[in-house]
Amino acid sequence: MKAEFYDVKGRKKIDAEVTEKVKYGKAGRERYAFRGKTSDGRNLTRFVGKAEWDKAKV
């Protein structure tokens, strides 16, 4: 699955493959995110809503 991430170092939005879905925080205060990598190997994180996170097939 592809997603749009913001590359802070490159200061632009890029499309990258989602490598995993992660959940941060404690019960009742969770945050949902997609993780990806740039072509040169740097990590990317994009926070998303629960509905989009549940729908994603990774």
PDB file of N, CA and C in Angstrom:
ATOM      1  N   MET A   1       0.838  -1.173   0.000  1.00  0.00           N
ATOM      2  CA  MET A   1       0.000   0.000   0.000  1.00  0.00           C
ATOM      3  C   MET A   1       0.889   1.244   0.000  1.00  0.00           C
ATOM      4  N   LYS A   2       0.543   2.217  -0.796  1.00  0.00           N
ATOM      5  CA  LYS A   2       1.275   3.480  -0.848  1.00  0.00           C
ATOM      6  C   LYS A   2       0.519   4.534  -0.048  1.00  0.00           C
ATOM      7  N   ALA A   3       1.271   5.483   0.517  1.00  0.00           N
ATOM      8  CA  ALA A   3       0.691   6.614   1.242  1.00  0.00           C
ATOM      9  C   ALA A   3       1.556   7.836   0.997  1.00  0.00           C
ATOM     10  N   GLU A   4       0.982   8.999   1.225  1.00  0.00           N
ATOM     11  CA  GLU A   4       1.713  10.244   1.056  1.00  0.00           C
ATOM     12  C   GLU A   4       2.316  10.643   2.402  1.00  0.00           C
ATOM     13  N   PHE A   5       3.618  10.836   2.433  1.00  0.00           N
ATOM     14  CA  PHE A   5       4.350  11.242   3.624  1.00  0.00           C
ATOM     15  C   PHE A   5       4.971  12.610   3.371  1.00  0.00           C
ATOM     16  N   TYR A   6       5.296  13.322   4.448  1.00  0.00           N
ATOM     17  CA  TYR A   6       6.033  14.575   4.313  1.00  0.00           C
ATOM     18  C   TYR A   6       7.475  14.301   4.696  1.00  0.00           C
ATOM     19  N   ASP A   7       8.383  14.547   3.774  1.00  0.00           N
ATOM     20  CA  ASP A   7       9.814  14.363   3.998  1.00  0.00           C
ATOM     21  C   ASP A   7      10.369  15.660   4.582  1.00  0.00           C
ATOM     22  N   VAL A   8      10.692  15.662   5.868  1.00  0.00           N
ATOM     23  CA  VAL A   8      11.152  16.866   6.557  1.00  0.00           C
ATOM     24  C   VAL A   8      12.488  17.338   5.995  1.00  0.00           C
ATOM     25  N   LYS A   9      13.396  16.424   5.769  1.00  0.00           N
ATOM     26  CA  LYS A   9      14.711  16.810   5.259  1.00  0.00           C
ATOM     27  C   LYS A   9      14.615  17.379   3.841  1.00  0.00           C
ATOM     28  N   GLY A  10      13.792  16.763   3.002  1.00  0.00           N
ATOM     29  CA  GLY A  10      13.630  17.233   1.638  1.00  0.00           C
ATOM     30  C   GLY A  10      12.613  18.350   1.494  1.00  0.00           C
ATOM     31  N   ARG A  11      11.855  18.603   2.548  1.00  0.00           N
ATOM     32  CA  ARG A  11      10.831  19.650   2.579  1.00  0.00           C
ATOM     33  C   ARG A  11       9.821  19.525   1.448  1.00  0.00           C
ATOM     34  N   LYS A  12       9.309  18.302   1.262  1.00  0.00           N
ATOM     35  CA  LYS A  12       8.292  18.069   0.248  1.00  0.00           C
ATOM     36  C   LYS A  12       7.519  16.805   0.574  1.00  0.00           C
ATOM     37  N   LYS A  13       6.367  16.673  -0.048  1.00  0.00           N
ATOM     38  CA  LYS A  13       5.561  15.467   0.117  1.00  0.00           C
ATOM     39  C   LYS A  13       6.011  14.436  -0.896  1.00  0.00           C
ATOM     40  N   ILE A  14       6.066  13.174  -0.438  1.00  0.00           N
ATOM     41  CA  ILE A  14       6.457  12.083  -1.331  1.00  0.00           C
ATOM     42  C   ILE A  14       5.507  10.912  -1.134  1.00  0.00           C
ATOM     43  N   ASP A  15       5.375  10.080  -2.153  1.00  0.00           N
ATOM     44  CA  ASP A  15       4.628   8.838  -2.048  1.00  0.00           C
ATOM     45  C   ASP A  15       5.610   7.724  -1.746  1.00  0.00           C
ATOM     46  N   ALA A  16       5.310   6.954  -0.706  1.00  0.00           N
ATOM     47  CA  ALA A  16       6.196   5.855  -0.325  1.00  0.00           C
ATOM     48  C   ALA A  16       5.353   4.662   0.096  1.00  0.00           C
ATOM     49  N   GLU A  17       5.961   3.516   0.036  1.00  0.00           N
ATOM     50  CA  GLU A  17       5.299   2.275   0.450  1.00  0.00           C
ATOM     51  C   GLU A  17       5.201   2.227   1.976  1.00  0.00           C
ATOM     52  N   VAL A  18       4.032   1.852   2.487  1.00  0.00           N
ATOM     53  CA  VAL A  18       3.834   1.709   3.929  1.00  0.00           C
ATOM     54  C   VAL A  18       4.440   0.379   4.355  1.00  0.00           C
ATOM     55  N   THR A  19       5.368   0.432   5.319  1.00  0.00           N
ATOM     56  CA  THR A  19       6.027  -0.790   5.763  1.00  0.00           C
ATOM     57  C   THR A  19       5.342  -1.419   6.969  1.00  0.00           C
ATOM     58  N   GLU A  20       4.685  -0.603   7.803  1.00  0.00           N
ATOM     59  CA  GLU A  20       3.985  -1.149   8.966  1.00  0.00           C
ATOM     60  C   GLU A  20       2.982  -0.155   9.510  1.00  0.00           C
ATOM     61  N   LYS A  21       2.032  -0.675  10.297  1.00  0.00           N
ATOM     62  CA  LYS A  21       1.077   0.151  11.025  1.00  0.00           C
ATOM     63  C   LYS A  21       1.492   0.106  12.494  1.00  0.00           C
ATOM     64  N   VAL A  22       1.500   1.256  13.160  1.00  0.00           N
ATOM     65  CA  VAL A  22       1.880   1.291  14.569  1.00  0.00           C
ATOM     66  C   VAL A  22       0.861   2.083  15.361  1.00  0.00           C
ATOM     67  N   LYS A  23       0.817   1.771  16.663  1.00  0.00           N
ATOM     68  CA  LYS A  23      -0.089   2.451  17.574  1.00  0.00           C
ATOM     69  C   LYS A  23       0.738   2.971  18.736  1.00  0.00           C
ATOM     70  N   TYR A  24       0.606   4.251  19.041  1.00  0.00           N
ATOM     71  CA  TYR A  24       1.343   4.880  20.128  1.00  0.00           C
ATOM     72  C   TYR A  24       0.384   5.261  21.244  1.00  0.00           C
ATOM     73  N   GLY A  25       0.876   5.311  22.474  1.00  0.00           N
ATOM     74  CA  GLY A  25       0.096   5.811  23.596  1.00  0.00           C
ATOM     75  C   GLY A  25      -0.514   4.718  24.442  1.00  0.00           C
ATOM     76  N   LYS A  26      -1.221   5.165  25.471  1.00  0.00           N
ATOM     77  CA  LYS A  26      -1.882   4.251  26.407  1.00  0.00           C
ATOM     78  C   LYS A  26      -3.333   4.051  25.999  1.00  0.00           C
ATOM     79  N   ALA A  27      -3.982   3.092  26.639  1.00  0.00           N
ATOM     80  CA  ALA A  27      -5.390   2.799  26.358  1.00  0.00           C
ATOM     81  C   ALA A  27      -6.237   4.050  26.578  1.00  0.00           C
ATOM     82  N   GLY A  28      -7.089   4.339  25.610  1.00  0.00           N
ATOM     83  CA  GLY A  28      -7.929   5.512  25.684  1.00  0.00           C
ATOM     84  C   GLY A  28      -7.302   6.759  25.097  1.00  0.00           C
ATOM     85  N   ARG A  29      -5.983   6.731  24.865  1.00  0.00           N
ATOM     86  CA  ARG A  29      -5.277   7.891  24.298  1.00  0.00           C
ATOM     87  C   ARG A  29      -4.322   7.449  23.190  1.00  0.00           C
ATOM     88  N   GLU A  30      -4.778   6.517  22.362  1.00  0.00           N
ATOM     89  CA  GLU A  30      -3.927   5.990  21.302  1.00  0.00           C
ATOM     90  C   GLU A  30      -3.819   6.953  20.132  1.00  0.00           C
ATOM     91  N   ARG A  31      -2.692   6.886  19.442  1.00  0.00           N
ATOM     92  CA  ARG A  31      -2.470   7.584  18.175  1.00  0.00           C
ATOM     93  C   ARG A  31      -2.048   6.529  17.166  1.00  0.00           C
ATOM     94  N   TYR A  32      -2.551   6.647  15.968  1.00  0.00           N
ATOM     95  CA  TYR A  32      -2.322   5.652  14.933  1.00  0.00           C
ATOM     96  C   TYR A  32      -1.449   6.243  13.839  1.00  0.00           C
ATOM     97  N   ALA A  33      -0.525   5.435  13.323  1.00  0.00           N
ATOM     98  CA  ALA A  33       0.422   5.950  12.334  1.00  0.00           C
ATOM     99  C   ALA A  33       0.814   4.871  11.334  1.00  0.00           C
ATOM    100  N   PHE A  34       1.263   5.341  10.171  1.00  0.00           N
ATOM    101  CA  PHE A  34       1.881   4.498   9.159  1.00  0.00           C
ATOM    102  C   PHE A  34       3.369   4.795   9.172  1.00  0.00           C
ATOM    103  N   ARG A  35       4.182   3.770   8.962  1.00  0.00           N
ATOM    104  CA  ARG A  35       5.637   3.941   8.868  1.00  0.00           C
ATOM    105  C   ARG A  35       6.055   3.589   7.448  1.00  0.00           C
ATOM    106  N   GLY A  36       7.042   4.319   6.944  1.00  0.00           N
ATOM    107  CA  GLY A  36       7.565   4.076   5.610  1.00  0.00           C
ATOM    108  C   GLY A  36       9.039   4.423   5.548  1.00  0.00           C
ATOM    109  N   LYS A  37       9.633   4.275   4.371  1.00  0.00           N
ATOM    110  CA  LYS A  37      11.040   4.605   4.172  1.00  0.00           C
ATOM    111  C   LYS A  37      11.197   5.376   2.867  1.00  0.00           C
ATOM    112  N   THR A  38      12.166   6.297   2.863  1.00  0.00           N
ATOM    113  CA  THR A  38      12.503   7.009   1.638  1.00  0.00           C
ATOM    114  C   THR A  38      13.374   6.106   0.771  1.00  0.00           C
ATOM    115  N   SER A  39      13.647   6.559  -0.445  1.00  0.00           N
ATOM    116  CA  SER A  39      14.482   5.752  -1.339  1.00  0.00           C
ATOM    117  C   SER A  39      15.912   5.626  -0.831  1.00  0.00           C
ATOM    118  N   ASP A  40      16.360   6.605  -0.010  1.00  0.00           N
ATOM    119  CA  ASP A  40      17.712   6.511   0.546  1.00  0.00           C
ATOM    120  C   ASP A  40      17.744   5.925   1.954  1.00  0.00           C
ATOM    121  N   GLY A  41      16.617   5.358   2.423  1.00  0.00           N
ATOM    122  CA  GLY A  41      16.606   4.597   3.665  1.00  0.00           C
ATOM    123  C   GLY A  41      16.188   5.327   4.932  1.00  0.00           C
ATOM    124  N   ARG A  42      15.829   6.617   4.833  1.00  0.00           N
ATOM    125  CA  ARG A  42      15.393   7.338   6.032  1.00  0.00           C
ATOM    126  C   ARG A  42      13.959   6.954   6.391  1.00  0.00           C
ATOM    127  N   ASN A  43      13.638   6.950   7.691  1.00  0.00           N
ATOM    128  CA  ASN A  43      12.309   6.586   8.162  1.00  0.00           C
ATOM    129  C   ASN A  43      11.336   7.744   8.028  1.00  0.00           C
ATOM    130  N   LEU A  44      10.075   7.388   7.738  1.00  0.00           N
ATOM    131  CA  LEU A  44       8.998   8.366   7.632  1.00  0.00           C
ATOM    132  C   LEU A  44       7.845   7.913   8.510  1.00  0.00           C
ATOM    133  N   THR A  45       7.121   8.852   9.092  1.00  0.00           N
ATOM    134  CA  THR A  45       5.949   8.547   9.899  1.00  0.00           C
ATOM    135  C   THR A  45       4.826   9.474   9.484  1.00  0.00           C
ATOM    136  N   ARG A  46       3.626   8.919   9.347  1.00  0.00           N
ATOM    137  CA  ARG A  46       2.442   9.712   9.042  1.00  0.00           C
ATOM    138  C   ARG A  46       1.339   9.307  10.012  1.00  0.00           C
ATOM    139  N   PHE A  47       0.856  10.257  10.807  1.00  0.00           N
ATOM    140  CA  PHE A  47      -0.225   9.985  11.731  1.00  0.00           C
ATOM    141  C   PHE A  47      -1.546  10.061  10.987  1.00  0.00           C
ATOM    142  N   VAL A  48      -2.419   9.081  11.272  1.00  0.00           N
ATOM    143  CA  VAL A  48      -3.704   8.981  10.581  1.00  0.00           C
ATOM    144  C   VAL A  48      -4.798   8.718  11.606  1.00  0.00           C
ATOM    145  N   GLY A  49      -6.037   8.829  11.175  1.00  0.00           N
ATOM    146  CA  GLY A  49      -7.180   8.527  12.025  1.00  0.00           C
ATOM    147  C   GLY A  49      -7.383   7.029  12.159  1.00  0.00           C
ATOM    148  N   LYS A  50      -8.157   6.642  13.159  1.00  0.00           N
ATOM    149  CA  LYS A  50      -8.388   5.220  13.427  1.00  0.00           C
ATOM    150  C   LYS A  50      -9.083   4.526  12.263  1.00  0.00           C
ATOM    151  N   ALA A  51     -10.033   5.204  11.622  1.00  0.00           N
ATOM    152  CA  ALA A  51     -10.763   4.595  10.508  1.00  0.00           C
ATOM    153  C   ALA A  51      -9.817   4.257   9.350  1.00  0.00           C
ATOM    154  N   GLU A  52      -8.937   5.170   9.007  1.00  0.00           N
ATOM    155  CA  GLU A  52      -7.971   4.920   7.928  1.00  0.00           C
ATOM    156  C   GLU A  52      -6.983   3.840   8.330  1.00  0.00           C
ATOM    157  N   TRP A  53      -6.575   3.825   9.594  1.00  0.00           N
ATOM    158  CA  TRP A  53      -5.633   2.832  10.108  1.00  0.00           C
ATOM    159  C   TRP A  53      -6.251   1.444  10.065  1.00  0.00           C
ATOM    160  N   ASP A  54      -7.526   1.332  10.471  1.00  0.00           N
ATOM    161  CA  ASP A  54      -8.215   0.034  10.445  1.00  0.00           C
ATOM    162  C   ASP A  54      -8.415  -0.470   9.025  1.00  0.00           C
ATOM    163  N   LYS A  55      -8.682   0.422   8.082  1.00  0.00           N
ATOM    164  CA  LYS A  55      -8.961   0.057   6.710  1.00  0.00           C
ATOM    165  C   LYS A  55      -7.724  -0.412   5.961  1.00  0.00           C
ATOM    166  N   ALA A  56      -6.549   0.033   6.371  1.00  0.00           N
ATOM    167  CA  ALA A  56      -5.307  -0.262   5.652  1.00  0.00           C
ATOM    168  C   ALA A  56      -4.930  -1.737   5.768  1.00  0.00           C
ATOM    169  N   LYS A  57      -4.489  -2.287   4.653  1.00  0.00           N
ATOM    170  CA  LYS A  57      -4.035  -3.679   4.596  1.00  0.00           C
ATOM    171  C   LYS A  57      -2.526  -3.682   4.450  1.00  0.00           C
ATOM    172  N   VAL A  58      -1.821  -3.837   5.565  1.00  0.00           N
ATOM    173  CA  VAL A  58      -0.359  -3.826   5.530  1.00  0.00           C
ATOM    174  C   VAL A  58       0.154  -5.121   6.097  1.00  0.00           C
TER     175      VAL A  58
END
